[in-house]
């Protein structure tokens, strides 16, 4: 299967970062494991719609 990679932007405090975003019809779930996740903790609250990085 193949997927597309897009440039996503996140804002941490006052600093903006560009991160890879993976998407495709055959990807059933959100993909986690990009390089930036190896240096920053990630917490997701799906019920509240909040993703906290750092």
N, C-alpha and C. Protein backbone atom coordinates (compact mmCIF):
# COMPACT_ATOMS: atom_id res chain seq x y z
N UNK A 1 0.83 -1.18 0.00
CA UNK A 1 0.00 0.00 0.00
C UNK A 1 0.88 1.25 0.00
N UNK A 2 0.31 2.32 -0.47
CA UNK A 2 1.04 3.59 -0.52
C UNK A 2 0.30 4.65 0.27
N UNK A 3 1.00 5.69 0.63
CA UNK A 3 0.38 6.80 1.32
C UNK A 3 1.07 8.09 0.91
N UNK A 4 0.41 9.19 1.18
CA UNK A 4 0.94 10.51 0.87
C UNK A 4 1.54 11.13 2.13
N UNK A 5 2.55 11.96 1.95
CA UNK A 5 3.16 12.68 3.06
C UNK A 5 2.94 14.17 2.81
N UNK A 6 2.34 14.82 3.79
CA UNK A 6 2.06 16.26 3.72
C UNK A 6 2.86 16.98 4.79
N UNK A 7 3.05 18.27 4.61
CA UNK A 7 3.73 19.08 5.62
C UNK A 7 2.67 19.66 6.56
N UNK A 8 2.74 19.27 7.82
CA UNK A 8 1.83 19.81 8.82
C UNK A 8 2.57 20.81 9.69
N UNK A 9 1.85 21.71 10.28
CA UNK A 9 2.48 22.71 11.16
C UNK A 9 1.84 22.64 12.53
N UNK A 10 2.70 22.63 13.56
CA UNK A 10 2.22 22.66 14.94
C UNK A 10 2.86 23.86 15.62
N UNK A 11 2.18 24.38 16.60
CA UNK A 11 2.66 25.52 17.36
C UNK A 11 2.86 25.09 18.80
N UNK A 12 4.09 25.18 19.29
CA UNK A 12 4.43 24.85 20.67
C UNK A 12 4.89 26.13 21.34
N UNK A 13 4.06 26.64 22.21
CA UNK A 13 4.36 27.94 22.80
C UNK A 13 4.29 28.98 21.70
N UNK A 14 5.39 29.63 21.45
CA UNK A 14 5.46 30.65 20.39
C UNK A 14 6.26 30.15 19.19
N UNK A 15 6.69 28.88 19.22
CA UNK A 15 7.54 28.35 18.15
C UNK A 15 6.73 27.42 17.25
N UNK A 16 6.87 27.62 15.93
CA UNK A 16 6.16 26.80 14.95
C UNK A 16 7.11 25.74 14.40
N UNK A 17 6.62 24.51 14.27
CA UNK A 17 7.39 23.41 13.72
C UNK A 17 6.65 22.81 12.54
N UNK A 18 7.40 22.34 11.56
CA UNK A 18 6.80 21.62 10.44
C UNK A 18 7.06 20.14 10.66
N UNK A 19 5.98 19.34 10.58
CA UNK A 19 6.08 17.90 10.83
C UNK A 19 5.48 17.14 9.66
N UNK A 20 5.93 15.90 9.42
CA UNK A 20 5.32 15.10 8.37
C UNK A 20 3.95 14.57 8.81
N UNK A 21 2.99 14.61 7.91
CA UNK A 21 1.65 14.08 8.15
C UNK A 21 1.40 13.00 7.11
N UNK A 22 1.09 11.79 7.55
CA UNK A 22 0.90 10.66 6.65
C UNK A 22 -0.59 10.41 6.44
N UNK A 23 -1.01 10.24 5.17
CA UNK A 23 -2.43 10.01 4.88
C UNK A 23 -2.56 9.07 3.69
N UNK A 24 -3.66 8.32 3.67
CA UNK A 24 -3.95 7.43 2.56
C UNK A 24 -5.21 6.64 2.82
N UNK A 25 -5.84 6.19 1.75
CA UNK A 25 -7.09 5.43 1.87
C UNK A 25 -6.92 4.11 2.62
N UNK A 26 -5.73 3.52 2.54
CA UNK A 26 -5.51 2.21 3.15
C UNK A 26 -4.95 2.30 4.57
N UNK A 27 -4.83 3.49 5.11
CA UNK A 27 -4.33 3.65 6.48
C UNK A 27 -5.54 3.71 7.41
N UNK A 28 -5.78 2.64 8.20
CA UNK A 28 -6.98 2.59 9.02
C UNK A 28 -6.93 3.43 10.29
N UNK A 29 -5.74 3.84 10.73
CA UNK A 29 -5.60 4.56 11.99
C UNK A 29 -4.62 5.71 11.83
N UNK A 30 -4.59 6.55 12.84
CA UNK A 30 -3.59 7.61 12.88
C UNK A 30 -2.22 6.96 13.04
N UNK A 31 -1.25 7.41 12.26
CA UNK A 31 0.11 6.87 12.37
C UNK A 31 0.91 7.69 13.36
N UNK A 32 1.45 7.03 14.35
CA UNK A 32 2.33 7.67 15.31
C UNK A 32 3.70 7.03 15.19
N UNK A 33 4.72 7.80 15.41
CA UNK A 33 6.07 7.26 15.35
C UNK A 33 7.00 8.08 14.49
N UNK A 34 6.59 9.27 14.11
CA UNK A 34 7.48 10.14 13.37
C UNK A 34 8.66 10.53 14.25
N UNK A 35 9.70 11.03 13.64
CA UNK A 35 10.93 11.33 14.38
C UNK A 35 10.73 12.29 15.54
N UNK A 36 9.86 13.27 15.39
CA UNK A 36 9.68 14.25 16.47
C UNK A 36 9.09 13.61 17.72
N UNK A 37 8.45 12.45 17.59
CA UNK A 37 7.90 11.77 18.77
C UNK A 37 8.99 11.10 19.60
N UNK A 38 10.19 10.97 19.04
CA UNK A 38 11.28 10.36 19.81
C UNK A 38 11.89 11.33 20.80
N UNK A 39 11.57 12.64 20.66
CA UNK A 39 12.17 13.63 21.57
C UNK A 39 11.14 14.36 22.41
N UNK A 40 9.86 14.28 22.07
CA UNK A 40 8.82 14.99 22.81
C UNK A 40 7.70 14.02 23.21
N UNK A 41 7.21 14.10 24.47
CA UNK A 41 6.10 13.24 24.87
C UNK A 41 4.79 13.71 24.22
N UNK A 42 3.91 12.77 23.94
CA UNK A 42 2.62 13.06 23.31
C UNK A 42 1.51 12.48 24.17
N UNK A 43 0.50 13.30 24.45
CA UNK A 43 -0.69 12.84 25.18
C UNK A 43 -1.92 13.21 24.36
N UNK A 44 -2.82 12.25 24.17
CA UNK A 44 -4.02 12.48 23.36
C UNK A 44 -5.26 12.21 24.20
N UNK A 45 -6.17 13.16 24.22
CA UNK A 45 -7.47 12.99 24.86
C UNK A 45 -8.52 13.10 23.76
N UNK A 46 -8.91 11.96 23.18
CA UNK A 46 -9.85 11.94 22.07
C UNK A 46 -11.21 12.52 22.45
N UNK A 47 -11.67 12.24 23.68
CA UNK A 47 -12.98 12.75 24.11
C UNK A 47 -13.02 14.27 24.13
N UNK A 48 -11.93 14.89 24.58
CA UNK A 48 -11.87 16.35 24.65
C UNK A 48 -11.39 16.98 23.34
N UNK A 49 -10.86 16.14 22.44
CA UNK A 49 -10.32 16.67 21.19
C UNK A 49 -9.02 17.43 21.39
N UNK A 50 -8.20 16.96 22.36
CA UNK A 50 -6.96 17.67 22.70
C UNK A 50 -5.77 16.75 22.48
N UNK A 51 -4.76 17.27 21.78
CA UNK A 51 -3.50 16.59 21.59
C UNK A 51 -2.43 17.49 22.19
N UNK A 52 -1.66 16.95 23.15
CA UNK A 52 -0.64 17.75 23.83
C UNK A 52 0.72 17.15 23.52
N UNK A 53 1.60 17.96 22.96
CA UNK A 53 2.95 17.54 22.62
C UNK A 53 3.93 18.35 23.44
N UNK A 54 4.79 17.65 24.18
CA UNK A 54 5.81 18.36 24.96
C UNK A 54 5.51 18.39 26.43
